[in-house]
Amino acid sequence: MKKTTLALLLSASLPFATLAAEPMPYPLSNLTVADGATPELKQFRDANSCKGCHPRQFKGWQGSMHSIAFIDPVFQAEWAMGEAETDGATRNLCGGCHTALGTITQTVEFKSESGKYGGFTTQGVATLGVSCEVCHSVVDTNMDKTANGEHGNASLEIATDGAKRGPLADAKSKGHKVVYSELHTKSEFCANCHNVFNPVHDDFPLEHTYQEWKDSPYAKAEIQCQDCHMVPVETAVRVADEMKPAKQLQDHGLGGKAGMGGAHRDLVHDHTFVGGNAVVAPLLGVPGGEAHAAEAKKRLQTVAELNAKVSGSKDKPVLEVTVHNRRAGHDLPTSLTFIRQVWLEVVITDKQGKEILRSGTLTADNSLPEGTVVFQDTAVDIHGKLEHKPWKVAKFSVHNTIPAKGSKTVSYPFELPAGVTDYQVDVKLHYRSFDQSVADLLLEDKVAVPSIEMTQLQQSYQGTSLK
């Protein structure tokens, strides 16, 4: 099949400023078009035209992070900063996943007067982010032609023939041609956008969710991304606890029709794609946004467990807190691991409530205090300076995420006041999508970034057995 390539497979040594001067104006997306024709937006359907026959799937998608991938104000602001600082070289690098249709049709435009740093516009179905037409027009992955030979940076081949690709080999439809796609049944499908590499810094993996999954026990058990992110939270919990794909669970209750008038299926995937982001959809007020936020909170509150014990000596006791990643099929946190925050809040008090130790309690300005234990990677630029802008990140100087089915233990030395032997330990594990400073930098309006209490532990100690 003839392909029209929109990707320039780039030398990692080229700086972004040089890339902007390449013959192809915005070359950083790995997207390709399969049919040889120049794609036009009119060749793709609006998601609203799908809901008549696929109401369950549309309801799941509406309000999801996929549905708002293009209009997400946090993403838009950072994308705009990248546009200015790289002279447009990051346009397709970001747009390839957040608006694949806008990117392949080259209908994405930058408006410098829009938003705090400018903003991007596109048209019609391309504004719907990762819509039905994006995923179900994917005919293949072109990872074999990417610069590093791995999925990532929108390494998708999209067809414009109107056929809908999906995981059902015997599907029939009166509304469009249906083509079976084995790729849609695998995590490799998701990998094309859930691996993101910096092409000017030796293809450094800025986001590596797929690789985290690939190295995990879930991959070995043949549990795919779809088994946790396209099912209700309760099913995802069972998948992680029983370590079986959703279709192998007894009485999973996910049967039904994939389309109006279609055959009954043993398992029909929801299209909620729920992860950990409970901020943006409610902020935008989109239909379904609050429901997706509630599901994100529920998912976060089922992922981790805490254990704690006191060791050391009577004079120098040490609280040891262990965080277990029980039910995420990738690291905790994942995605932009240098932006996402998972942290411990620890408070030790005597029986009168007097504070002995406190760590990780948010300050009045919604910031993490110095010394907080944060499970997060530390990103730096080529000079080793702390950096959060993706186009400048060259490496991680510290890796501190928790792998799937793994754990990490943190120590908190403390001192008991004279005469105190009875005390209480309160431990909480929190999550938020980004620090307050990120919101203050990127958003025009002041938004207090909410945090979600993932889990908590309370233990009382009467007397001490420490010597």
Protein backbone atom coordinates (compact mmCIF):
# COMPACT_ATOMS: atom_id res chain seq x y z
CA MET A 1 0.00 0.00 0.00
CA LYS A 2 1.39 3.36 -1.02
CA LYS A 3 2.03 5.78 1.83
CA THR A 4 2.25 9.54 2.01
CA THR A 5 4.74 10.25 4.79
CA LEU A 6 4.27 13.27 7.04
CA ALA A 7 7.22 12.30 9.21
CA LEU A 8 10.85 13.24 8.80
CA LEU A 9 12.84 10.67 10.72
CA LEU A 10 15.26 13.02 12.30
CA SER A 11 18.85 12.97 13.40
CA ALA A 12 18.91 13.26 17.19
CA SER A 13 21.71 15.78 16.93
CA LEU A 14 19.60 18.46 15.24
CA PRO A 15 18.54 21.25 17.61
CA PHE A 16 14.91 22.39 17.56
CA ALA A 17 15.92 25.72 16.02
CA THR A 18 17.47 23.81 13.10
CA LEU A 19 14.39 21.64 12.71
CA ALA A 20 12.22 24.70 12.21
CA ALA A 21 14.28 25.52 9.13
CA GLU A 22 13.80 22.10 7.49
CA PRO A 23 11.91 21.98 4.14
CA MET A 24 8.91 20.34 5.85
CA PRO A 25 7.79 23.18 8.17
CA TYR A 26 6.66 21.04 11.12
CA PRO A 27 8.26 17.63 10.71
CA LEU A 28 8.24 16.07 14.17
CA SER A 29 5.17 13.82 13.99
CA ASN A 30 5.60 10.18 13.00
CA LEU A 31 2.10 10.02 11.46
CA THR A 32 1.68 8.55 8.00
CA VAL A 33 -1.29 8.30 5.65
CA ALA A 34 -1.94 4.90 4.10
CA ASP A 35 -3.80 5.55 0.87
CA GLY A 36 -1.51 7.96 -0.93
CA ALA A 37 -4.10 10.73 -1.20
CA THR A 38 -3.86 14.10 0.46
CA PRO A 39 -6.20 13.75 3.47
CA GLU A 40 -9.07 16.19 3.99
CA LEU A 41 -11.16 16.71 7.11
CA LYS A 42 -14.37 15.96 5.19
CA GLN A 43 -13.19 12.36 4.84
CA PHE A 44 -13.65 11.84 8.59
CA ARG A 45 -16.85 11.72 10.64
CA ASP A 46 -17.78 13.72 13.70
CA ALA A 47 -18.05 11.56 16.81
CA ASN A 48 -21.68 12.63 17.20
CA SER A 49 -22.52 10.67 14.06
CA CYS A 50 -21.30 7.51 15.79
CA LYS A 51 -23.43 7.71 18.93
CA GLY A 52 -26.65 6.61 17.24
CA CYS A 53 -25.31 3.11 16.65
CA HIS A 54 -22.70 3.09 19.44
CA PRO A 55 -24.29 4.94 22.38
CA ARG A 56 -22.33 3.03 25.03
CA GLN A 57 -19.01 3.81 23.44
CA PHE A 58 -19.92 7.46 22.80
CA LYS A 59 -21.06 7.96 26.39
CA GLY A 60 -17.78 6.51 27.63
CA TRP A 61 -15.68 8.68 25.34
CA GLN A 62 -17.55 11.95 25.90
CA GLY A 63 -15.80 13.90 28.63
CA SER A 64 -12.75 11.64 28.62
CA MET A 65 -9.23 13.00 28.38
CA HIS A 66 -9.17 11.62 24.83
CA SER A 67 -12.19 13.73 23.89
CA ILE A 68 -10.60 16.94 25.22
CA ALA A 69 -7.05 16.19 24.14
CA PHE A 70 -6.97 19.19 21.82
CA ILE A 71 -8.86 21.75 23.93
CA ASP A 72 -7.17 20.88 27.26
CA PRO A 73 -6.06 24.36 28.45
CA VAL A 74 -2.99 23.04 30.29
CA PHE A 75 -1.82 21.23 27.18
CA GLN A 76 -2.69 24.17 24.92
CA ALA A 77 -0.65 26.58 27.04
CA GLU A 78 2.42 24.36 27.14
CA TRP A 79 2.07 23.62 23.44
CA ALA A 80 1.96 27.36 22.77
CA MET A 81 5.11 27.90 24.85
CA GLY A 82 6.83 25.20 22.83
CA GLU A 83 5.72 26.84 19.60
CA ALA A 84 7.33 30.12 20.61
CA GLU A 85 10.51 28.70 22.09
CA THR A 86 11.25 26.30 19.20
CA ASP A 87 10.02 28.50 16.35
CA GLY A 88 7.23 26.05 15.56
CA ALA A 89 9.29 22.88 15.56
CA THR A 90 7.18 21.17 18.24
CA ARG A 91 3.86 21.79 16.50
CA ASN A 92 3.40 18.33 15.03
CA LEU A 93 5.35 16.60 17.78
CA CYS A 94 2.52 17.53 20.15
CA GLY A 95 -0.31 17.74 17.62
CA GLY A 96 0.35 14.27 16.22
CA CYS A 97 -1.26 12.67 19.24
CA HIS A 98 -3.55 15.45 20.51
CA THR A 99 -5.13 16.12 17.11
CA ALA A 100 -3.98 13.52 14.63
CA LEU A 101 -6.59 14.59 12.08
CA GLY A 102 -5.62 18.24 12.34
CA THR A 103 -2.00 17.23 11.89
CA ILE A 104 -2.37 15.01 8.81
CA THR A 105 -4.63 17.58 7.14
CA GLN A 106 -2.31 20.44 8.19
CA THR A 107 -5.30 22.45 9.43
CA VAL A 108 -3.73 23.34 12.78
CA GLU A 109 -2.99 27.06 13.09
CA PHE A 110 -1.29 29.05 15.82
CA LYS A 111 -2.93 32.26 17.04
CA SER A 112 -0.47 34.36 19.02
CA GLU A 113 -3.23 36.60 20.37
CA SER A 114 -5.16 33.71 21.88
CA GLY A 115 -4.60 32.67 25.49
CA LYS A 116 -1.77 33.48 27.87
CA TYR A 117 0.95 32.32 25.46
CA GLY A 118 -1.10 32.03 22.29
CA GLY A 119 -3.21 29.07 21.26
CA PHE A 120 -3.97 26.60 18.49
CA THR A 121 -7.06 26.21 16.39
CA THR A 122 -8.22 23.62 13.91
CA GLN A 123 -11.56 22.69 12.37
CA GLY A 124 -14.46 20.27 12.69
CA VAL A 125 -13.65 16.72 13.70
CA ALA A 126 -10.00 17.63 14.30
CA THR A 127 -11.04 19.66 17.36
CA LEU A 128 -12.33 16.46 19.00
CA GLY A 129 -8.87 15.25 19.92
CA VAL A 130 -8.57 11.49 20.05
CA SER A 131 -11.97 10.77 18.56
CA CYS A 132 -13.66 7.67 17.15
CA GLU A 133 -12.31 8.46 13.70
CA VAL A 134 -8.72 8.68 14.88
CA CYS A 135 -8.47 5.29 16.55
CA HIS A 136 -10.73 3.41 14.18
CA SER A 137 -8.98 4.77 11.08
CA VAL A 138 -5.63 3.41 12.24
CA VAL A 139 -4.54 0.68 9.87
CA ASP A 140 -1.05 -0.01 11.22
CA THR A 141 1.86 1.27 13.27
CA ASN A 142 4.94 2.55 11.47
CA MET A 143 7.32 1.94 14.35
CA ASP A 144 9.71 0.14 12.02
CA LYS A 145 10.34 3.47 10.32
CA THR A 146 10.67 5.69 13.38
CA ALA A 147 14.05 7.12 14.30
CA ASN A 148 14.56 4.72 17.21
CA GLY A 149 12.57 1.74 15.92
CA GLU A 150 10.05 1.94 18.76
CA HIS A 151 6.42 2.97 19.09
CA GLY A 152 5.98 6.61 19.96
CA ASN A 153 5.44 10.21 18.83
CA ALA A 154 2.21 9.26 17.01
CA SER A 155 3.74 6.37 15.07
CA LEU A 156 0.38 5.66 13.45
CA GLU A 157 -0.62 4.93 9.89
CA ILE A 158 -4.09 6.35 9.21
CA ALA A 159 -6.37 5.36 6.33
CA THR A 160 -8.84 7.71 4.64
CA ASP A 161 -11.00 5.01 3.00
CA GLY A 162 -13.87 5.34 5.50
CA ALA A 163 -13.52 1.78 6.79
CA LYS A 164 -13.54 1.35 10.56
CA ARG A 165 -10.86 -0.91 12.03
CA GLY A 166 -11.56 -2.73 15.28
CA PRO A 167 -11.10 -5.91 17.34
CA LEU A 168 -14.15 -7.91 16.14
CA ALA A 169 -13.37 -10.33 13.32
CA ASP A 170 -17.02 -10.95 12.39
CA ALA A 171 -18.40 -7.43 12.79
CA LYS A 172 -20.91 -6.14 10.25
CA SER A 173 -22.30 -2.65 9.75
CA LYS A 174 -24.75 -0.96 7.41
CA GLY A 175 -23.17 2.43 8.03
CA HIS A 176 -19.57 1.76 7.04
CA LYS A 177 -17.13 -0.92 6.02
CA VAL A 178 -15.64 -2.87 8.95
CA VAL A 179 -12.13 -4.32 8.95
CA TYR A 180 -10.70 -6.58 11.66
CA SER A 181 -7.53 -5.25 13.26
CA GLU A 182 -5.44 -7.39 15.57
CA LEU A 183 -3.48 -4.25 16.49
CA HIS A 184 -6.57 -2.87 18.25
CA THR A 185 -6.47 -5.80 20.70
CA LYS A 186 -2.95 -5.08 21.90
CA SER A 187 -1.10 -2.58 24.08
CA GLU A 188 1.05 -1.81 21.06
CA PHE A 189 -1.88 0.20 19.72
CA CYS A 190 -1.77 2.53 22.73
CA ALA A 191 2.03 2.63 22.68
CA ASN A 192 2.08 4.83 19.60
CA CYS A 193 1.06 7.85 21.66
CA HIS A 194 1.86 6.70 25.20
CA ASN A 195 5.55 6.66 24.45
CA VAL A 196 6.91 10.15 23.76
CA PHE A 197 10.55 10.75 22.84
CA ASN A 198 12.57 13.94 22.63
CA PRO A 199 14.04 13.66 19.11
CA VAL A 200 16.82 16.17 19.73
CA HIS A 201 18.20 14.47 22.84
CA ASP A 202 18.97 10.94 21.67
CA ASP A 203 15.23 10.12 21.62
CA PHE A 204 15.08 10.43 25.37
CA PRO A 205 11.76 8.94 26.62
CA LEU A 206 9.82 11.84 28.12
CA GLU A 207 6.81 9.56 28.59
CA HIS A 208 7.28 5.82 28.77
CA THR A 209 4.01 4.28 29.95
CA TYR A 210 4.13 1.56 27.30
CA GLN A 211 7.70 0.60 28.22
CA GLU A 212 6.72 0.47 31.91
CA TRP A 213 3.89 -1.91 31.03
CA LYS A 214 6.13 -3.95 28.73
CA ASP A 215 8.56 -4.54 31.61
CA SER A 216 5.79 -5.42 34.07
CA PRO A 217 4.16 -8.65 35.27
CA TYR A 218 1.00 -7.53 33.47
CA ALA A 219 2.65 -7.87 30.08
CA LYS A 220 3.92 -11.31 31.03
CA ALA A 221 0.35 -12.29 31.96
CA GLU A 222 -0.87 -10.94 28.58
CA ILE A 223 -2.97 -8.27 30.28
CA GLN A 224 -3.31 -5.39 27.83
CA CYS A 225 -3.92 -1.67 28.42
CA GLN A 226 -7.49 -2.25 27.22
CA ASP A 227 -8.11 -4.72 30.07
CA CYS A 228 -7.82 -1.94 32.66
CA HIS A 229 -8.60 1.32 30.84
CA MET A 230 -11.59 0.19 28.76
CA VAL A 231 -13.53 -1.46 31.57
CA PRO A 232 -15.17 -0.17 34.79
CA VAL A 233 -12.87 0.46 37.75
CA GLU A 234 -14.27 -2.54 39.60
CA THR A 235 -13.25 -4.79 36.71
CA ALA A 236 -9.79 -3.23 36.54
CA VAL A 237 -9.34 -4.05 40.24
CA ARG A 238 -10.22 -7.70 39.56
CA VAL A 239 -7.84 -7.80 36.59
CA ALA A 240 -4.98 -6.62 38.80
CA ASP A 241 -5.84 -8.83 41.76
CA GLU A 242 -6.44 -12.01 39.74
CA MET A 243 -3.82 -11.14 37.12
CA LYS A 244 -6.05 -12.22 34.26
CA PRO A 245 -7.26 -10.37 31.16
CA ALA A 246 -10.82 -9.07 31.55
CA LYS A 247 -12.26 -11.68 29.21
CA GLN A 248 -10.94 -14.47 31.46
CA LEU A 249 -12.62 -13.19 34.62
CA GLN A 250 -15.59 -15.18 35.88
CA ASP A 251 -18.90 -13.29 35.72
CA HIS A 252 -17.32 -10.06 34.54
CA GLY A 253 -20.71 -8.70 33.45
CA LEU A 254 -19.35 -6.84 30.43
CA GLY A 255 -21.44 -8.55 27.77
CA GLY A 256 -23.74 -6.72 25.38
CA LYS A 257 -23.92 -5.37 21.86
CA ALA A 258 -21.00 -3.48 20.35
CA GLY A 259 -23.36 -1.69 17.98
CA MET A 260 -27.07 -1.13 17.47
CA GLY A 261 -28.61 -4.25 16.00
CA GLY A 262 -25.38 -6.21 16.29
CA ALA A 263 -24.76 -9.61 17.78
CA HIS A 264 -24.45 -10.11 21.54
CA ARG A 265 -20.80 -10.13 22.59
CA ASP A 266 -19.33 -11.76 25.68
CA LEU A 267 -17.34 -8.60 26.33
CA VAL A 268 -17.88 -5.08 25.04
CA HIS A 269 -15.22 -2.54 25.92
CA ASP A 270 -16.23 0.77 27.40
CA HIS A 271 -14.46 3.76 25.91
CA THR A 272 -13.84 5.80 29.05
CA PHE A 273 -10.05 5.43 28.98
CA VAL A 274 -9.98 6.56 32.61
CA GLY A 275 -6.58 7.34 34.11
CA GLY A 276 -5.61 9.67 36.92
CA ASN A 277 -6.61 13.11 35.63
CA ALA A 278 -9.56 14.46 37.60
CA VAL A 279 -8.83 18.15 36.97
CA VAL A 280 -9.21 19.23 33.36
CA ALA A 281 -12.61 17.86 32.27
CA PRO A 282 -14.48 19.47 35.20
CA LEU A 283 -12.48 22.65 34.65
CA LEU A 284 -13.81 22.82 31.10
CA GLY A 285 -17.34 21.86 32.11
CA VAL A 286 -17.71 19.45 29.20
CA PRO A 287 -20.57 16.89 29.16
CA GLY A 288 -19.46 13.77 31.00
CA GLY A 289 -16.50 15.58 32.57
CA GLU A 290 -17.63 15.26 36.18
CA ALA A 291 -18.41 11.56 35.72
CA HIS A 292 -14.95 10.94 34.30
CA ALA A 293 -13.36 12.86 37.17
CA ALA A 294 -15.27 10.71 39.67
CA GLU A 295 -14.04 7.56 37.91
CA ALA A 296 -10.47 8.87 37.92
CA LYS A 297 -10.67 9.45 41.67
CA LYS A 298 -12.10 5.98 42.21
CA ARG A 299 -9.32 4.44 40.12
CA LEU A 300 -6.64 6.34 42.05
CA GLN A 301 -8.17 5.22 45.33
CA THR A 302 -7.88 1.53 44.37
CA VAL A 303 -4.29 1.54 43.11
CA ALA A 304 -1.99 1.68 46.14
CA GLU A 305 -1.62 0.31 49.67
CA LEU A 306 0.40 1.47 52.66
CA ASN A 307 2.27 -0.38 55.38
CA ALA A 308 4.09 1.19 58.31
CA LYS A 309 6.22 0.07 61.22
CA VAL A 310 8.52 1.65 63.78
CA SER A 311 12.07 0.37 64.02
CA GLY A 312 15.36 1.72 65.37
CA SER A 313 15.98 2.26 69.06
CA LYS A 314 14.04 3.82 71.93
CA ASP A 315 16.23 6.91 71.70
CA LYS A 316 16.20 7.03 67.91
CA PRO A 317 12.96 5.54 66.58
CA VAL A 318 12.37 5.42 62.83
CA LEU A 319 9.01 5.23 61.10
CA GLU A 320 9.26 3.10 57.96
CA VAL A 321 6.47 3.60 55.43
CA THR A 322 6.11 1.26 52.46
CA VAL A 323 4.04 2.23 49.42
CA HIS A 324 2.83 -0.67 47.28
CA ASN A 325 1.76 -0.25 43.66
CA ARG A 326 -0.91 -2.94 43.74
CA ARG A 327 -3.09 -2.26 40.72
CA ALA A 328 -1.47 0.04 38.15
CA GLY A 329 -0.13 -1.88 35.18
CA HIS A 330 2.69 0.64 34.85
CA ASP A 331 4.72 2.87 37.15
CA LEU A 332 3.09 5.01 39.81
CA PRO A 333 2.90 7.75 38.66
CA THR A 334 3.17 7.34 34.90
CA SER A 335 2.96 9.55 31.80
CA LEU A 336 4.88 12.79 32.45
CA THR A 337 6.59 11.35 35.51
CA PHE A 338 8.49 14.58 36.13
CA ILE A 339 5.21 16.53 36.29
CA ARG A 340 2.80 14.11 38.02
CA GLN A 341 3.05 14.02 41.82
CA VAL A 342 2.46 11.14 44.21
CA TRP A 343 3.56 12.02 47.72
CA LEU A 344 3.42 10.96 51.35
CA GLU A 345 1.93 13.02 54.13
CA VAL A 346 3.05 11.78 57.56
CA VAL A 347 1.96 13.09 60.93
CA ILE A 348 3.00 11.68 64.32
CA THR A 349 1.24 12.97 67.46
CA ASP A 350 1.21 12.05 71.15
CA LYS A 351 -2.01 10.95 72.87
CA GLN A 352 -2.86 14.57 73.68
CA GLY A 353 -2.61 15.44 70.00
CA LYS A 354 0.64 17.32 70.27
CA GLU A 355 2.63 17.13 67.09
CA ILE A 356 5.90 15.18 67.10
CA LEU A 357 6.57 15.05 63.34
CA ARG A 358 4.90 16.42 60.23
CA SER A 359 5.92 15.97 56.60
CA GLY A 360 4.17 16.45 53.27
CA THR A 361 1.24 18.65 54.32
CA LEU A 362 0.40 21.19 51.63
CA THR A 363 1.25 24.79 52.48
CA ALA A 364 -1.21 27.68 52.42
CA ASP A 365 -0.32 28.38 48.79
CA ASN A 366 -1.02 24.73 47.81
CA SER A 367 2.66 23.82 47.45
CA LEU A 368 4.60 20.86 48.75
CA PRO A 369 6.93 21.80 51.62
CA GLU A 370 10.63 21.14 51.45
CA GLY A 371 11.55 17.61 52.47
CA THR A 372 8.32 16.02 51.22
CA VAL A 373 8.79 12.50 49.87
CA VAL A 374 7.53 12.67 46.29
CA PHE A 375 7.46 9.68 43.98
CA GLN A 376 8.45 11.48 40.81
CA ASP A 377 11.28 11.56 38.28
CA THR A 378 13.58 14.58 38.26
CA ALA A 379 14.07 16.09 34.79
CA VAL A 380 17.10 18.16 33.77
CA ASP A 381 18.34 19.87 30.63
CA ILE A 382 21.62 19.23 28.82
CA HIS A 383 23.47 21.22 31.50
CA GLY A 384 21.98 19.25 34.39
CA LYS A 385 19.68 22.12 35.39
CA LEU A 386 16.17 21.32 36.65
CA GLU A 387 13.70 21.60 33.77
CA HIS A 388 9.98 20.90 33.25
CA LYS A 389 9.51 22.02 29.64
CA PRO A 390 9.39 18.78 27.61
CA TRP A 391 11.30 20.17 24.63
CA LYS A 392 14.22 21.03 26.92
CA VAL A 393 14.35 17.84 28.99
CA ALA A 394 17.46 15.83 28.13
CA LYS A 395 17.36 13.17 30.84
CA PHE A 396 16.16 12.22 34.31
CA SER A 397 18.75 12.76 37.02
CA VAL A 398 16.64 10.81 39.54
CA HIS A 399 14.19 7.96 38.97
CA ASN A 400 11.72 7.64 41.81
CA THR A 401 8.51 6.08 40.54
CA ILE A 402 7.08 2.80 41.82
CA PRO A 403 6.93 -0.02 39.23
CA ALA A 404 3.90 -2.23 38.68
CA LYS A 405 3.49 -4.72 41.55
CA GLY A 406 6.51 -3.09 43.18
CA SER A 407 7.01 -1.05 46.33
CA LYS A 408 9.25 1.55 47.90
CA THR A 409 10.04 2.13 51.57
CA VAL A 410 10.76 5.53 53.08
CA SER A 411 12.22 6.23 56.52
CA TYR A 412 11.21 9.02 58.90
CA PRO A 413 13.51 9.34 61.94
CA PHE A 414 11.84 11.13 64.87
CA GLU A 415 12.36 11.81 68.55
CA LEU A 416 9.87 11.16 71.35
CA PRO A 417 9.61 13.96 73.91
CA ALA A 418 10.66 13.03 77.43
CA GLY A 419 8.07 10.86 79.10
CA VAL A 420 6.11 10.13 75.90
CA THR A 421 5.65 6.47 75.06
CA ASP A 422 2.18 6.48 73.47
CA TYR A 423 1.75 8.07 70.05
CA GLN A 424 -0.24 7.86 66.83
CA VAL A 425 0.99 7.66 63.24
CA ASP A 426 -1.17 9.00 60.39
CA VAL A 427 0.00 8.37 56.83
CA LYS A 428 -1.72 9.49 53.64
CA LEU A 429 -0.76 8.98 50.02
CA HIS A 430 -1.81 11.81 47.70
CA TYR A 431 -1.90 12.37 43.94
CA ARG A 432 -2.23 15.37 41.68
CA SER A 433 -1.66 15.77 37.97
CA PHE A 434 0.71 18.72 38.33
CA ASP A 435 2.12 21.12 40.88
CA GLN A 436 0.40 24.40 41.71
CA SER A 437 3.33 26.25 40.17
CA VAL A 438 2.58 24.59 36.82
CA ALA A 439 -1.03 25.77 36.93
CA ASP A 440 0.08 29.28 37.89
CA LEU A 441 2.53 29.36 35.00
CA LEU A 442 0.24 27.98 32.30
CA LEU A 443 -3.31 29.07 33.09
CA GLU A 444 -4.72 32.57 32.74
CA ASP A 445 -7.14 32.19 35.65
CA LYS A 446 -6.09 31.17 39.14
CA VAL A 447 -6.95 27.50 39.60
CA ALA A 448 -6.20 25.64 42.83
CA VAL A 449 -4.95 22.24 41.70
CA PRO A 450 -6.90 19.60 43.61
CA SER A 451 -5.16 16.64 45.19
CA ILE A 452 -6.70 13.23 45.69
CA GLU A 453 -6.13 11.12 48.77
CA MET A 454 -5.31 7.73 47.31
CA THR A 455 -5.17 5.80 50.55
CA GLN A 456 -4.42 6.30 54.24
CA LEU A 457 -3.16 4.41 57.28
CA GLN A 458 -3.52 5.12 60.99
CA GLN A 459 -1.63 3.22 63.70
CA SER A 460 -1.38 3.73 67.45
CA TYR A 461 1.57 2.72 69.58
CA GLN A 462 1.19 2.17 73.34
CA GLY A 463 4.52 1.95 75.08
CA THR A 464 7.50 0.75 73.10
CA SER A 465 9.37 -2.48 72.63
CA LEU A 466 12.39 -0.69 71.23
CA LYS A 467 15.57 -0.93 73.23
